[in-house]
């Protein structure tokens, strides 16, 4: 299937909706800690009138009318079947540039590197690669993400301290098949017999 890369954040959220199996490789340059592993990332699109979108905008002093919508990102260990833990979740709200919508601000109720509310800057390149830059109190983070296919994407990130880069992460993410789609696939297979 031909890949159409999203070139604005709300299309990126919509293309990302669902659950993704993430294989993560983490490289610390200042310690021997290893945070590599496997997890599930669940993304749910939020419309611009969703109360969560309104709440994040208001908390950051942004007019909610500027938002095009947002997304809820939740993560947990790969084989964890419990309900998603709200401590492992973030709400991201898109506030795009009015003219191009290919760059703008991401308003978050909690950051990726530091668990504080944060405003990031993003932009989409012509080839669909999304770059997100975030300034925290003590760090700077940069994340790049792109779709290789509709059901496979890649994320790379760096965290920079005052003395240079101290963390790099590479994630490959495969979309998980929903129970409904799985049942449809099984039904089609049985019909072939």
N, C-alpha and C. Protein backbone atom coordinates (compact mmCIF):
# COMPACT_ATOMS: atom_id res chain seq x y z
N UNK A 1 0.84 -1.18 0.00
CA UNK A 1 0.00 0.00 0.00
C UNK A 1 0.88 1.24 0.00
N UNK A 2 0.51 2.22 -0.81
CA UNK A 2 1.26 3.46 -0.94
C UNK A 2 1.15 4.30 0.34
N UNK A 3 2.28 4.79 0.82
CA UNK A 3 2.31 5.58 2.06
C UNK A 3 2.09 7.05 1.76
N UNK A 4 1.12 7.64 2.44
CA UNK A 4 0.93 9.09 2.39
C UNK A 4 1.31 9.62 3.77
N UNK A 5 2.43 10.32 3.83
CA UNK A 5 2.93 10.83 5.11
C UNK A 5 2.12 12.04 5.54
N UNK A 6 1.73 12.09 6.82
CA UNK A 6 1.03 13.28 7.31
C UNK A 6 1.97 14.47 7.33
N UNK A 7 1.43 15.65 7.01
CA UNK A 7 2.23 16.87 6.99
C UNK A 7 1.69 17.93 7.94
N UNK A 8 0.75 17.53 8.80
CA UNK A 8 0.30 18.41 9.88
C UNK A 8 0.01 17.53 11.09
N UNK A 9 -0.03 18.16 12.25
CA UNK A 9 -0.09 17.39 13.50
C UNK A 9 -1.40 16.63 13.67
N UNK A 10 -2.52 17.22 13.33
CA UNK A 10 -3.77 16.51 13.56
C UNK A 10 -3.86 15.28 12.65
N UNK A 11 -3.34 15.36 11.42
CA UNK A 11 -3.29 14.18 10.55
C UNK A 11 -2.32 13.15 11.11
N UNK A 12 -1.22 13.64 11.70
CA UNK A 12 -0.27 12.73 12.33
C UNK A 12 -0.93 11.99 13.49
N UNK A 13 -1.68 12.71 14.33
CA UNK A 13 -2.40 12.06 15.43
C UNK A 13 -3.36 11.00 14.89
N UNK A 14 -4.12 11.36 13.85
CA UNK A 14 -5.10 10.41 13.31
C UNK A 14 -4.43 9.18 12.72
N UNK A 15 -3.31 9.36 12.03
CA UNK A 15 -2.59 8.22 11.44
C UNK A 15 -1.97 7.36 12.54
N UNK A 16 -1.70 7.95 13.69
CA UNK A 16 -1.06 7.24 14.81
C UNK A 16 -2.06 6.57 15.74
N UNK A 17 -3.33 6.85 15.59
CA UNK A 17 -4.32 6.33 16.55
C UNK A 17 -4.29 4.81 16.58
N UNK A 18 -4.38 4.27 17.80
CA UNK A 18 -4.36 2.82 17.99
C UNK A 18 -3.30 2.43 19.01
N UNK A 19 -2.99 1.16 19.05
CA UNK A 19 -1.96 0.66 19.96
C UNK A 19 -0.76 0.20 19.15
N UNK A 20 0.41 0.60 19.61
CA UNK A 20 1.67 0.30 18.93
C UNK A 20 2.56 -0.53 19.85
N UNK A 21 3.19 -1.57 19.30
CA UNK A 21 4.20 -2.35 20.02
C UNK A 21 5.53 -1.64 19.78
N UNK A 22 6.16 -1.20 20.85
CA UNK A 22 7.40 -0.42 20.75
C UNK A 22 8.58 -1.23 21.25
N UNK A 23 9.62 -1.33 20.42
CA UNK A 23 10.91 -1.88 20.84
C UNK A 23 11.85 -0.70 20.96
N UNK A 24 12.39 -0.54 22.17
CA UNK A 24 13.14 0.67 22.51
C UNK A 24 14.58 0.32 22.88
N UNK A 25 15.51 1.06 22.28
CA UNK A 25 16.93 0.95 22.61
C UNK A 25 17.36 2.29 23.18
N UNK A 26 17.89 2.30 24.41
CA UNK A 26 18.27 3.54 25.07
C UNK A 26 19.77 3.52 25.34
N UNK A 27 20.43 4.60 25.00
CA UNK A 27 21.87 4.72 25.20
C UNK A 27 22.15 5.92 26.10
N UNK A 28 22.62 5.64 27.33
CA UNK A 28 23.03 6.70 28.26
C UNK A 28 24.53 6.90 28.08
N UNK A 29 24.95 8.15 27.95
CA UNK A 29 26.36 8.43 27.79
C UNK A 29 27.05 8.78 29.10
N UNK A 30 26.26 8.95 30.17
CA UNK A 30 26.85 9.31 31.44
C UNK A 30 26.61 8.27 32.53
N UNK A 31 26.02 7.12 32.18
CA UNK A 31 25.81 6.06 33.18
C UNK A 31 25.63 4.73 32.47
N UNK A 32 25.63 3.68 33.24
CA UNK A 32 25.47 2.33 32.68
C UNK A 32 24.01 1.88 32.72
N UNK A 33 23.09 2.76 33.09
CA UNK A 33 21.68 2.39 33.18
C UNK A 33 21.17 1.94 31.82
N UNK A 34 20.34 0.91 31.81
CA UNK A 34 19.75 0.42 30.57
C UNK A 34 18.24 0.44 30.70
N UNK A 35 17.61 1.33 29.95
CA UNK A 35 16.16 1.45 29.96
C UNK A 35 15.55 0.88 28.69
N UNK A 36 16.34 0.07 27.96
CA UNK A 36 15.83 -0.54 26.74
C UNK A 36 14.73 -1.53 27.11
N UNK A 37 13.84 -1.79 26.16
CA UNK A 37 12.79 -2.75 26.45
C UNK A 37 11.66 -2.69 25.45
N UNK A 38 10.57 -3.32 25.82
CA UNK A 38 9.38 -3.40 24.97
C UNK A 38 8.19 -2.84 25.74
N UNK A 39 7.35 -2.12 25.05
CA UNK A 39 6.16 -1.57 25.68
C UNK A 39 5.07 -1.39 24.64
N UNK A 40 3.89 -1.06 25.11
CA UNK A 40 2.79 -0.72 24.23
C UNK A 40 2.50 0.77 24.40
N UNK A 41 2.27 1.43 23.29
CA UNK A 41 1.91 2.84 23.27
C UNK A 41 0.51 2.93 22.69
N UNK A 42 -0.42 3.47 23.44
CA UNK A 42 -1.80 3.62 22.97
C UNK A 42 -2.10 5.09 22.75
N UNK A 43 -2.55 5.40 21.55
CA UNK A 43 -2.81 6.78 21.16
C UNK A 43 -4.29 6.92 20.80
N UNK A 44 -4.93 7.90 21.41
CA UNK A 44 -6.34 8.19 21.16
C UNK A 44 -6.47 9.64 20.73
N UNK A 45 -7.11 9.89 19.60
CA UNK A 45 -7.30 11.25 19.11
C UNK A 45 -8.38 11.95 19.94
N UNK A 46 -8.13 13.21 20.26
CA UNK A 46 -9.08 14.05 20.99
C UNK A 46 -9.49 15.21 20.09
N UNK A 47 -10.78 15.40 19.94
CA UNK A 47 -11.26 16.52 19.12
C UNK A 47 -11.03 17.83 19.86
N UNK A 48 -11.06 18.94 19.14
CA UNK A 48 -10.70 20.23 19.74
C UNK A 48 -11.66 20.67 20.85
N UNK A 49 -12.88 20.15 20.85
CA UNK A 49 -13.82 20.53 21.91
C UNK A 49 -13.81 19.55 23.09
N UNK A 50 -12.89 18.59 23.08
CA UNK A 50 -12.76 17.64 24.19
C UNK A 50 -12.34 18.40 25.45
N UNK A 51 -12.97 18.12 26.59
CA UNK A 51 -12.61 18.83 27.84
C UNK A 51 -11.12 18.71 28.20
N UNK A 52 -10.48 17.59 27.86
CA UNK A 52 -9.05 17.43 28.16
C UNK A 52 -8.21 18.42 27.37
N UNK A 53 -8.58 18.65 26.11
CA UNK A 53 -7.87 19.63 25.27
C UNK A 53 -8.05 21.02 25.85
N UNK A 54 -9.28 21.35 26.22
CA UNK A 54 -9.57 22.66 26.80
C UNK A 54 -8.77 22.87 28.10
N UNK A 55 -8.72 21.83 28.93
CA UNK A 55 -8.03 21.91 30.22
C UNK A 55 -6.54 22.16 30.05
N UNK A 56 -5.89 21.43 29.11
CA UNK A 56 -4.44 21.60 28.89
C UNK A 56 -4.16 23.01 28.37
N UNK A 57 -4.97 23.49 27.44
CA UNK A 57 -4.77 24.85 26.91
C UNK A 57 -4.90 25.89 28.03
N UNK A 58 -5.96 25.78 28.79
CA UNK A 58 -6.21 26.74 29.87
C UNK A 58 -5.07 26.74 30.88
N UNK A 59 -4.58 25.56 31.25
CA UNK A 59 -3.49 25.46 32.22
C UNK A 59 -2.21 26.11 31.71
N UNK A 60 -2.01 26.13 30.39
CA UNK A 60 -0.80 26.72 29.81
C UNK A 60 -1.02 28.16 29.34
N UNK A 61 -2.22 28.71 29.59
CA UNK A 61 -2.49 30.08 29.19
C UNK A 61 -2.67 30.26 27.69
N UNK A 62 -3.11 29.20 27.00
CA UNK A 62 -3.33 29.24 25.56
C UNK A 62 -4.83 29.29 25.29
N UNK A 63 -5.24 30.12 24.36
CA UNK A 63 -6.65 30.20 23.99
C UNK A 63 -7.06 28.87 23.34
N UNK A 64 -8.00 28.11 23.91
CA UNK A 64 -8.42 26.82 23.35
C UNK A 64 -8.93 26.91 21.91
N UNK A 65 -9.37 28.10 21.47
CA UNK A 65 -9.84 28.27 20.09
C UNK A 65 -8.71 28.10 19.08
N UNK A 66 -7.46 28.23 19.52
CA UNK A 66 -6.31 28.07 18.62
C UNK A 66 -5.99 26.60 18.37
N UNK A 67 -6.50 25.70 19.19
CA UNK A 67 -6.18 24.26 19.08
C UNK A 67 -6.99 23.61 17.97
N UNK A 68 -6.35 22.68 17.24
CA UNK A 68 -7.07 21.90 16.23
C UNK A 68 -7.54 20.57 16.79
N UNK A 69 -7.05 20.21 17.96
CA UNK A 69 -7.36 18.93 18.60
C UNK A 69 -6.14 18.45 19.33
N UNK A 70 -6.17 17.20 19.71
CA UNK A 70 -5.04 16.66 20.45
C UNK A 70 -5.06 15.15 20.46
N UNK A 71 -4.27 14.59 21.35
CA UNK A 71 -4.19 13.14 21.47
C UNK A 71 -3.76 12.78 22.89
N UNK A 72 -4.26 11.65 23.33
CA UNK A 72 -3.85 11.07 24.60
C UNK A 72 -2.85 9.97 24.29
N UNK A 73 -1.68 10.03 24.91
CA UNK A 73 -0.63 9.01 24.75
C UNK A 73 -0.49 8.28 26.07
N UNK A 74 -0.65 6.96 26.05
CA UNK A 74 -0.50 6.14 27.26
C UNK A 74 0.46 5.00 26.95
N UNK A 75 1.31 4.67 27.90
CA UNK A 75 2.25 3.58 27.66
C UNK A 75 2.27 2.64 28.86
N UNK A 76 2.58 1.38 28.59
CA UNK A 76 2.69 0.38 29.65
C UNK A 76 3.53 -0.77 29.13
N UNK A 77 3.96 -1.63 30.05
CA UNK A 77 4.77 -2.80 29.68
C UNK A 77 4.00 -3.63 28.67
N UNK A 78 4.72 -4.26 27.76
CA UNK A 78 4.12 -4.97 26.65
C UNK A 78 3.07 -6.00 27.04
N UNK A 79 3.32 -6.82 28.01
CA UNK A 79 2.39 -7.90 28.36
C UNK A 79 1.50 -7.55 29.55
N UNK A 80 1.49 -6.30 29.96
CA UNK A 80 0.66 -5.85 31.07
C UNK A 80 -0.79 -5.73 30.59
N UNK A 81 -1.69 -6.50 31.18
CA UNK A 81 -3.09 -6.50 30.74
C UNK A 81 -3.98 -5.64 31.63
N UNK A 82 -3.40 -4.99 32.62
CA UNK A 82 -4.19 -4.11 33.49
C UNK A 82 -4.64 -2.87 32.71
N UNK A 83 -5.61 -2.15 33.26
CA UNK A 83 -6.03 -0.89 32.67
C UNK A 83 -4.85 0.07 32.62
N UNK A 84 -4.87 0.98 31.66
CA UNK A 84 -3.78 1.95 31.53
C UNK A 84 -3.67 2.80 32.78
N UNK A 85 -2.43 3.00 33.24
CA UNK A 85 -2.14 3.80 34.42
C UNK A 85 -2.06 5.27 34.02
N UNK A 86 -2.84 6.12 34.65
CA UNK A 86 -2.84 7.54 34.29
C UNK A 86 -1.51 8.22 34.59
N UNK A 87 -0.66 7.61 35.43
CA UNK A 87 0.67 8.16 35.67
C UNK A 87 1.57 7.99 34.44
N UNK A 88 1.22 7.03 33.59
CA UNK A 88 1.99 6.76 32.37
C UNK A 88 1.20 7.27 31.16
N UNK A 89 0.81 8.53 31.22
CA UNK A 89 0.00 9.10 30.14
C UNK A 89 0.28 10.58 30.01
N UNK A 90 0.02 11.09 28.83
CA UNK A 90 0.17 12.53 28.58
C UNK A 90 -0.88 12.95 27.56
N UNK A 91 -1.30 14.19 27.67
CA UNK A 91 -2.21 14.80 26.70
C UNK A 91 -1.40 15.81 25.90
N UNK A 92 -1.43 15.69 24.58
CA UNK A 92 -0.75 16.63 23.68
C UNK A 92 -1.80 17.37 22.88
N UNK A 93 -1.66 18.69 22.78
CA UNK A 93 -2.61 19.52 22.06
C UNK A 93 -1.88 20.26 20.95
N UNK A 94 -2.47 20.24 19.76
CA UNK A 94 -1.88 20.88 18.59
C UNK A 94 -2.35 22.33 18.48
N UNK A 95 -1.38 23.25 18.43
CA UNK A 95 -1.66 24.66 18.16
C UNK A 95 -0.78 25.03 16.97
N UNK A 96 -1.32 24.84 15.76
CA UNK A 96 -0.49 25.02 14.56
C UNK A 96 -0.33 26.48 14.16
N UNK A 97 0.68 26.72 13.31
CA UNK A 97 0.82 28.00 12.64
C UNK A 97 -0.41 28.16 11.74
N UNK A 98 -1.02 29.31 11.73
CA UNK A 98 -2.27 29.50 11.01
C UNK A 98 -2.12 29.35 9.50
N UNK A 99 -0.97 29.67 8.95
CA UNK A 99 -0.83 29.65 7.49
C UNK A 99 -0.51 28.26 6.95
N UNK A 100 0.51 27.61 7.47
CA UNK A 100 0.96 26.36 6.85
C UNK A 100 0.46 25.11 7.56
N UNK A 101 0.27 25.19 8.85
CA UNK A 101 -0.10 24.04 9.70
C UNK A 101 0.99 22.96 9.69
N UNK A 102 2.13 23.21 9.03
CA UNK A 102 3.24 22.24 9.02
C UNK A 102 4.18 22.46 10.18
N UNK A 103 4.00 23.56 10.91
CA UNK A 103 4.75 23.75 12.14
C UNK A 103 3.87 24.47 13.13
N UNK A 104 4.26 24.40 14.38
CA UNK A 104 3.46 25.02 15.42
C UNK A 104 3.94 24.60 16.80
N UNK A 105 3.01 24.61 17.74
CA UNK A 105 3.33 24.26 19.13
C UNK A 105 2.54 23.02 19.54
N UNK A 106 3.18 22.21 20.35
CA UNK A 106 2.51 21.10 21.02
C UNK A 106 2.44 21.47 22.49
N UNK A 107 1.24 21.55 23.01
CA UNK A 107 1.03 21.87 24.42
C UNK A 107 0.83 20.55 25.15
N UNK A 108 1.65 20.28 26.15
CA UNK A 108 1.55 19.00 26.87
C UNK A 108 1.27 19.22 28.34
N UNK A 109 0.45 18.33 28.89
CA UNK A 109 0.21 18.41 30.33
C UNK A 109 1.39 17.85 31.11
N UNK A 110 2.22 17.03 30.44
CA UNK A 110 3.45 16.55 31.07
C UNK A 110 4.45 16.19 29.98
N UNK A 111 5.70 16.53 30.22
CA UNK A 111 6.74 16.29 29.24
C UNK A 111 7.23 14.86 29.25
N UNK A 112 8.01 14.54 28.24
CA UNK A 112 8.59 13.21 28.08
C UNK A 112 9.84 13.05 28.95
N UNK A 113 10.65 14.07 29.02
CA UNK A 113 11.92 14.00 29.76
C UNK A 113 11.70 14.37 31.22
N UNK A 114 10.98 15.45 31.46
CA UNK A 114 10.65 15.89 32.81
C UNK A 114 9.13 15.92 32.91
N UNK A 115 8.59 15.39 33.98
CA UNK A 115 7.13 15.28 34.14
C UNK A 115 6.51 16.59 34.60
N UNK A 116 6.65 17.60 33.76
CA UNK A 116 6.08 18.92 34.03
C UNK A 116 5.31 19.37 32.79
N UNK A 117 4.33 20.26 32.94
CA UNK A 117 3.67 20.81 31.76
C UNK A 117 4.71 21.55 30.90
N UNK A 118 4.57 21.42 29.59
CA UNK A 118 5.60 21.96 28.71
C UNK A 118 4.99 22.33 27.35
N UNK A 119 5.63 23.29 26.69
CA UNK A 119 5.25 23.67 25.33
C UNK A 119 6.43 23.30 24.43
N UNK A 120 6.16 22.49 23.41
CA UNK A 120 7.19 22.09 22.44
C UNK A 120 6.94 22.80 21.12
N UNK A 121 7.97 22.85 20.29
CA UNK A 121 7.84 23.37 18.93
C UNK A 121 7.97 22.18 17.97
N UNK A 122 7.16 22.15 16.92
CA UNK A 122 7.27 21.05 15.97
C UNK A 122 7.28 21.58 14.54
N UNK A 123 7.77 20.73 13.64
CA UNK A 123 7.70 21.04 12.21
C UNK A 123 7.75 19.73 11.43
N UNK A 124 7.09 19.75 10.28
CA UNK A 124 7.09 18.61 9.36
C UNK A 124 7.95 18.95 8.17
N UNK A 125 8.89 18.07 7.82
CA UNK A 125 9.70 18.24 6.61
C UNK A 125 8.87 17.80 5.40
N UNK A 126 9.35 18.12 4.21
CA UNK A 126 8.64 17.76 2.98
C UNK A 126 8.40 16.26 2.87
N UNK A 127 9.32 15.46 3.44
CA UNK A 127 9.19 14.00 3.35
C UNK A 127 8.35 13.40 4.48
N UNK A 128 7.75 14.25 5.32
CA UNK A 128 6.87 13.77 6.38
C UNK A 128 7.56 13.52 7.71
N UNK A 129 8.87 13.76 7.81
CA UNK A 129 9.55 13.56 9.09
C UNK A 129 9.14 14.68 10.04
N UNK A 130 8.64 14.28 11.21
CA UNK A 130 8.21 15.22 12.25
C UNK A 130 9.36 15.42 13.22
N UNK A 131 9.69 16.68 13.50
CA UNK A 131 10.71 17.02 14.49
C UNK A 131 10.05 17.83 15.59
N UNK A 132 10.25 17.39 16.84
CA UNK A 132 9.70 18.08 18.00
C UNK A 132 10.86 18.51 18.89
N UNK A 133 10.94 19.81 19.18
CA UNK A 133 11.98 20.34 20.08
C UNK A 133 11.32 20.85 21.35
N UNK A 134 11.90 20.45 22.50
CA UNK A 134 11.34 20.83 23.78
C UNK A 134 12.43 21.34 24.71
N UNK A 135 12.20 22.51 25.29
CA UNK A 135 13.10 23.04 26.31
C UNK A 135 12.46 22.80 27.66
N UNK A 136 13.16 22.04 28.51
CA UNK A 136 12.71 21.79 29.87
C UNK A 136 13.47 22.71 30.81
N UNK A 137 13.24 22.58 32.10
CA UNK A 137 13.97 23.40 33.07
C UNK A 137 15.46 23.10 33.05
N UNK A 138 15.83 21.81 32.93
CA UNK A 138 17.24 21.42 33.01
C UNK A 138 17.76 20.72 31.76
N UNK A 139 16.93 20.47 30.79
CA UNK A 139 17.31 19.69 29.62
C UNK A 139 16.70 20.28 28.36
N UNK A 140 17.22 19.80 27.23
CA UNK A 140 16.60 20.05 25.94
C UNK A 140 16.38 18.70 25.30
N UNK A 141 15.20 18.49 24.75
CA UNK A 141 14.91 17.23 24.08
C UNK A 141 14.55 17.46 22.63
N UNK A 142 14.93 16.52 21.79
CA UNK A 142 14.52 16.55 20.40
C UNK A 142 14.07 15.15 20.02
N UNK A 143 12.90 15.06 19.41
CA UNK A 143 12.38 13.78 18.95
C UNK A 143 12.04 13.92 17.48
N UNK A 144 12.37 12.87 16.72
CA UNK A 144 12.00 12.82 15.31
C UNK A 144 11.21 11.54 15.11
N UNK A 145 10.16 11.62 14.31
CA UNK A 145 9.29 10.46 14.09
C UNK A 145 8.83 10.47 12.64
N UNK A 146 8.78 9.28 12.04
CA UNK A 146 8.27 9.17 10.69
C UNK A 146 7.68 7.79 10.45
N UNK A 147 6.75 7.73 9.52
CA UNK A 147 6.13 6.47 9.13
C UNK A 147 6.95 5.85 8.00
N UNK A 148 7.27 4.57 8.16
CA UNK A 148 7.93 3.81 7.09
C UNK A 148 6.84 3.18 6.22
N UNK A 149 5.81 2.64 6.87
CA UNK A 149 4.58 2.18 6.23
C UNK A 149 3.43 2.70 7.08
N UNK A 150 2.20 2.40 6.69
CA UNK A 150 1.06 2.85 7.49
C UNK A 150 1.04 2.20 8.87
N UNK A 151 1.68 1.05 9.01
CA UNK A 151 1.64 0.30 10.26
C UNK A 151 3.01 0.11 10.91
N UNK A 152 4.00 0.86 10.47
CA UNK A 152 5.35 0.80 11.06
C UNK A 152 5.92 2.20 11.05
N UNK A 153 6.39 2.64 12.21
CA UNK A 153 7.01 3.95 12.30
C UNK A 153 8.25 3.89 13.17
N UNK A 154 9.07 4.92 13.06
CA UNK A 154 10.34 5.01 13.78
C UNK A 154 10.38 6.32 14.55
N UNK A 155 10.92 6.25 15.77
CA UNK A 155 11.14 7.46 16.58
C UNK A 155 12.58 7.44 17.08
N UNK A 156 13.25 8.56 17.00
CA UNK A 156 14.58 8.72 17.59
C UNK A 156 14.56 9.99 18.42
N UNK A 157 15.26 9.97 19.53
CA UNK A 157 15.28 11.17 20.37
C UNK A 157 16.63 11.33 21.05
N UNK A 158 16.91 12.57 21.40
CA UNK A 158 18.11 12.88 22.17
C UNK A 158 17.70 13.80 23.31
N UNK A 159 18.45 13.70 24.41
CA UNK A 159 18.29 14.61 25.53
C UNK A 159 19.65 15.25 25.76
N UNK A 160 19.66 16.59 25.76
CA UNK A 160 20.90 17.34 25.94
C UNK A 160 20.87 18.06 27.28
N UNK A 161 21.93 17.86 28.03
CA UNK A 161 22.14 18.61 29.26
C UNK A 161 23.10 19.76 28.92
N UNK A 162 23.43 20.57 29.89
CA UNK A 162 24.35 21.68 29.66
C UNK A 162 25.71 21.21 29.12
N UNK A 163 26.13 20.02 29.51
CA UNK A 163 27.44 19.52 29.09
C UNK A 163 27.37 18.63 27.86
N UNK A 164 26.25 18.61 27.16
CA UNK A 164 26.15 17.84 25.92
C UNK A 164 25.08 16.77 25.97
N UNK A 165 25.02 15.95 24.91
CA UNK A 165 24.03 14.88 24.81
C UNK A 165 24.34 13.81 25.84
N UNK A 166 23.33 13.41 26.61
CA UNK A 166 23.58 12.34 27.58
C UNK A 166 22.65 11.15 27.39
N UNK A 167 21.74 11.24 26.43
CA UNK A 167 20.80 10.14 26.23
C UNK A 167 20.33 10.13 24.78
N UNK A 168 20.33 8.96 24.17
CA UNK A 168 19.75 8.78 22.84
C UNK A 168 18.83 7.57 22.89
N UNK A 169 17.70 7.66 22.19
CA UNK A 169 16.73 6.58 22.16
C UNK A 169 16.33 6.31 20.73
N UNK A 170 16.22 5.02 20.40
CA UNK A 170 15.70 4.59 19.10
C UNK A 170 14.52 3.67 19.37
N UNK A 171 13.39 3.95 18.75
CA UNK A 171 12.20 3.11 18.90
C UNK A 171 11.68 2.71 17.53
N UNK A 172 11.41 1.42 17.37
CA UNK A 172 10.65 0.97 16.20
C UNK A 172 9.28 0.56 16.72
N UNK A 173 8.25 0.98 16.00
CA UNK A 173 6.88 0.77 16.48
C UNK A 173 6.04 0.12 15.39
N UNK A 174 5.40 -0.98 15.77
CA UNK A 174 4.49 -1.69 14.86
C UNK A 174 3.09 -1.60 15.40
N UNK A 175 2.15 -1.26 14.52
CA UNK A 175 0.75 -1.14 14.93
C UNK A 175 0.22 -2.53 15.31
N UNK A 176 -0.46 -2.59 16.45
CA UNK A 176 -1.08 -3.84 16.89
C UNK A 176 -2.44 -3.98 16.20
N UNK A 177 -2.76 -5.20 15.86
CA UNK A 177 -4.04 -5.48 15.23
C UNK A 177 -5.11 -5.51 16.33
N UNK A 178 -6.21 -4.79 16.12
CA UNK A 178 -7.29 -4.77 17.11
C UNK A 178 -8.00 -6.12 17.12
N UNK A 179 -8.71 -6.39 18.19
CA UNK A 179 -9.46 -7.64 18.31
C UNK A 179 -10.47 -7.75 17.17
N UNK A 180 -11.12 -6.66 16.85
CA UNK A 180 -12.12 -6.66 15.77
C UNK A 180 -11.50 -7.02 14.43
N UNK A 181 -10.37 -6.41 14.09
CA UNK A 181 -9.68 -6.70 12.83
C UNK A 181 -9.18 -8.14 12.82
N UNK A 182 -8.66 -8.60 13.95
CA UNK A 182 -8.19 -9.98 14.05
C UNK A 182 -9.33 -10.96 13.77
N UNK A 183 -10.49 -10.70 14.35
CA UNK A 183 -11.64 -11.58 14.13
C UNK A 183 -12.08 -11.56 12.66
N UNK A 184 -12.00 -10.38 12.01
CA UNK A 184 -12.33 -10.30 10.59
C UNK A 184 -11.35 -11.10 9.75
N UNK A 185 -10.08 -11.05 10.10
CA UNK A 185 -9.05 -11.80 9.38
C UNK A 185 -9.29 -13.31 9.52
N UNK A 186 -9.61 -13.74 10.72
CA UNK A 186 -9.88 -15.15 10.96
C UNK A 186 -11.11 -15.60 10.16
N UNK A 187 -12.14 -14.77 10.18
CA UNK A 187 -13.37 -15.08 9.44
C UNK A 187 -13.09 -15.21 7.95
N UNK A 188 -12.29 -14.27 7.38
CA UNK A 188 -11.94 -14.36 5.95
C UNK A 188 -11.15 -15.62 5.67
N UNK A 189 -10.26 -15.99 6.57
CA UNK A 189 -9.48 -17.22 6.38
C UNK A 189 -10.37 -18.44 6.36
N UNK A 190 -11.33 -18.49 7.30
CA UNK A 190 -12.26 -19.63 7.35
C UNK A 190 -13.12 -19.69 6.09
N UNK A 191 -13.47 -18.53 5.53
CA UNK A 191 -14.31 -18.48 4.33
C UNK A 191 -13.59 -19.01 3.11
N UNK A 192 -12.27 -19.02 3.12
CA UNK A 192 -11.46 -19.50 1.98
C UNK A 192 -11.47 -21.02 1.87
N UNK A 193 -11.81 -21.70 2.91
CA UNK A 193 -11.75 -23.17 2.93
C UNK A 193 -12.79 -23.78 2.06
